[in-house]
Amino acid sequence: MTKTLYVLNGPNLNLLGTREPDIYGHATLADVEQLCRSSAARFGLAVEFRQSNHEGGIIDAIHDAARNGAAGIVINPAGYTTTSVAILDAIKAISIPTVEVHISNIHAREEFRHQSYVSRAARAVICGFGVEGYALAVVGLATMIGALAQG
C-alpha cells in the first residue's frame, strides 16, 4: 500500500504566480503541486494536495490526514502561521510528522511574521527557498519516515 503525504496550503496561496511575484515568484500553485508529486514519487509516495482560505478547512485536512493514515504532512500555513492556535492544536493532536514550509524567508520580513505557532509542533521548518522549499520538505519528510529513493 502506497504511503501518502498531505501537502496543505493556507490562505492566498491559490494566488501564487500573480500575488506579489517579487516575494513569492511566478510559479503557480499547480506548479507547486506538480513539484510535490514529482518529489514524492522519487520515494514511492503519493500526495494529497489541498489549499484552503479558511482556517477550518486546514484543520479538517489535518484531521483527514490522521483519519486516513497519512505518513506525513507538509504545511504552508501562510497567513495563519502567526495567528492560529487552532492549527497548532490540530497538529499537536495527531501523531504525524509535520514539516512547515514557507516560500519566503519569514525571518527577513516584517517583525510580525517572525513568530510561528505551527513551528511549535512541526518537526522541521524550511523557509526562503522559494517553491523549491516544498521539494526540500517532501525529501526531508521522506527521510524522517524512512522512505527510500526508488530506482
Protein backbone atom coordinates (compact mmCIF):
# COMPACT_ATOMS: atom_id res chain seq x y z
CA MET A 1 0.00 0.00 0.00
CA THR A 2 1.37 3.40 -1.02
CA LYS A 3 2.09 5.82 1.78
CA THR A 4 0.57 9.27 1.35
CA LEU A 5 1.87 12.70 2.28
CA TYR A 6 -0.60 15.52 2.75
CA VAL A 7 0.56 18.88 1.39
CA LEU A 8 -1.59 21.62 2.90
CA ASN A 9 -1.63 25.23 1.81
CA GLY A 10 -3.19 28.16 3.61
CA PRO A 11 -4.87 31.40 2.59
CA ASN A 12 -4.00 33.26 -0.59
CA LEU A 13 -1.66 30.55 -1.86
CA ASN A 14 -4.22 29.93 -4.62
CA LEU A 15 -2.95 33.28 -5.97
CA LEU A 16 0.65 32.13 -6.45
CA GLY A 17 2.07 33.31 -9.72
CA THR A 18 0.24 36.62 -9.59
CA ARG A 19 0.40 37.60 -5.91
CA GLU A 20 3.48 39.70 -5.10
CA PRO A 21 5.75 37.86 -7.55
CA ASP A 22 8.76 39.83 -6.24
CA ILE A 23 8.31 37.91 -2.96
CA TYR A 24 6.64 34.65 -4.00
CA GLY A 25 7.87 34.21 -7.57
CA HIS A 26 5.95 33.31 -10.71
CA ALA A 27 5.23 29.63 -10.05
CA THR A 28 1.56 28.79 -9.62
CA LEU A 29 0.00 26.51 -7.03
CA ALA A 30 -0.43 23.95 -9.83
CA ASP A 31 3.35 24.14 -10.36
CA VAL A 32 3.89 23.55 -6.64
CA GLU A 33 1.56 20.55 -6.74
CA GLN A 34 3.49 19.02 -9.66
CA LEU A 35 6.79 19.66 -7.86
CA CYS A 36 5.49 17.91 -4.73
CA ARG A 37 4.15 14.95 -6.69
CA SER A 38 7.44 14.55 -8.57
CA SER A 39 9.49 14.79 -5.38
CA ALA A 40 7.26 12.30 -3.55
CA ALA A 41 7.26 9.86 -6.47
CA ARG A 42 11.06 9.54 -6.12
CA PHE A 43 10.31 7.82 -2.81
CA GLY A 44 7.26 5.85 -3.93
CA LEU A 45 4.96 8.21 -2.01
CA ALA A 46 1.59 9.60 -3.06
CA VAL A 47 0.44 13.17 -2.40
CA GLU A 48 -2.90 14.53 -1.25
CA PHE A 49 -2.64 18.23 -2.17
CA ARG A 50 -5.05 20.78 -0.69
CA GLN A 51 -5.44 24.52 -0.30
CA SER A 52 -7.94 26.46 1.79
CA ASN A 53 -8.50 30.11 2.52
CA HIS A 54 -10.33 29.07 5.69
CA GLU A 55 -8.77 28.03 8.97
CA GLY A 56 -11.38 25.30 9.50
CA GLY A 57 -10.64 23.82 6.07
CA ILE A 58 -6.99 23.42 7.03
CA ILE A 59 -7.92 21.88 10.37
CA ASP A 60 -10.31 19.47 8.62
CA ALA A 61 -7.48 18.47 6.25
CA ILE A 62 -5.19 17.77 9.22
CA HIS A 63 -7.91 15.62 10.77
CA ASP A 64 -8.40 13.85 7.41
CA ALA A 65 -4.68 13.12 7.27
CA ALA A 66 -4.87 11.42 10.65
CA ARG A 67 -8.08 9.55 9.85
CA ASN A 68 -6.65 8.31 6.53
CA GLY A 69 -3.31 7.19 7.99
CA ALA A 70 -1.10 9.74 6.23
CA ALA A 71 2.62 9.17 6.59
CA GLY A 72 3.38 12.87 6.95
CA ILE A 73 2.23 16.44 6.42
CA VAL A 74 3.88 19.35 4.66
CA ILE A 75 2.10 22.56 5.59
CA ASN A 76 2.42 26.14 4.47
CA PRO A 77 0.00 27.84 6.87
CA ALA A 78 0.59 31.19 5.13
CA GLY A 79 -1.30 33.95 6.96
CA TYR A 80 -2.28 31.54 9.74
CA THR A 81 1.37 30.98 10.66
CA THR A 82 1.37 33.77 13.21
CA THR A 83 -2.24 33.62 14.35
CA SER A 84 -3.63 30.10 14.52
CA VAL A 85 -3.52 28.34 17.84
CA ALA A 86 -6.25 26.09 16.39
CA ILE A 87 -3.95 24.79 13.62
CA LEU A 88 -1.18 24.31 16.21
CA ASP A 89 -3.58 22.31 18.39
CA ALA A 90 -4.73 20.20 15.43
CA ILE A 91 -1.13 19.24 14.60
CA LYS A 92 -0.36 18.52 18.25
CA ALA A 93 -3.48 16.32 18.48
CA ILE A 94 -2.22 13.88 15.83
CA SER A 95 0.86 11.69 15.64
CA ILE A 96 2.00 12.55 12.15
CA PRO A 97 5.40 14.10 11.42
CA THR A 98 4.83 17.59 10.06
CA VAL A 99 7.16 19.92 8.18
CA GLU A 100 6.34 23.62 7.96
CA VAL A 101 7.34 25.36 4.73
CA HIS A 102 7.36 29.00 3.64
CA ILE A 103 8.24 30.31 0.20
CA SER A 104 9.88 33.47 1.52
CA ASN A 105 12.28 33.83 4.42
CA ILE A 106 9.77 34.84 7.07
CA HIS A 107 12.62 35.89 9.38
CA ALA A 108 13.84 38.52 6.91
CA ARG A 109 10.41 40.09 6.57
CA GLU A 110 8.16 42.14 8.84
CA GLU A 111 8.58 41.52 12.56
CA PHE A 112 5.08 40.06 12.98
CA ARG A 113 5.99 37.21 10.59
CA HIS A 114 8.89 36.01 12.74
CA GLN A 115 6.85 34.03 15.27
CA SER A 116 5.13 30.86 14.07
CA TYR A 117 2.63 28.95 16.16
CA VAL A 118 2.92 26.00 13.77
CA SER A 119 6.68 25.75 14.38
CA ARG A 120 5.96 24.71 17.95
CA ALA A 121 4.54 21.41 16.65
CA ALA A 122 6.48 20.95 13.40
CA ARG A 123 9.41 18.53 13.25
CA ALA A 124 11.22 20.90 10.86
CA VAL A 125 10.81 24.29 9.19
CA ILE A 126 12.00 25.28 5.73
CA CYS A 127 11.82 28.87 4.51
CA GLY A 128 13.36 31.14 1.94
CA PHE A 129 13.99 28.67 -0.90
CA GLY A 130 11.02 29.76 -3.00
CA VAL A 131 8.69 27.00 -4.11
CA GLU A 132 11.67 24.62 -4.14
CA GLY A 133 11.24 24.61 -0.37
CA TYR A 134 8.28 22.29 -0.89
CA ALA A 135 10.52 19.75 -2.65
CA LEU A 136 13.03 20.03 0.20
CA ALA A 137 10.20 19.49 2.70
CA VAL A 138 8.99 16.38 0.86
CA VAL A 139 12.51 14.92 0.70
CA GLY A 140 13.12 15.72 4.37
CA LEU A 141 9.81 14.20 5.38
CA ALA A 142 10.50 11.09 3.28
CA THR A 143 13.79 10.71 5.15
CA MET A 144 12.04 11.16 8.51
CA ILE A 145 9.58 8.36 7.78
CA GLY A 146 12.22 6.04 6.36
CA ALA A 147 11.09 6.10 2.73
CA LEU A 148 13.85 5.10 0.36
CA ALA A 149 14.53 6.68 -3.02
CA GLN A 150 13.28 4.49 -5.85
CA GLY A 151 15.45 3.20 -8.69
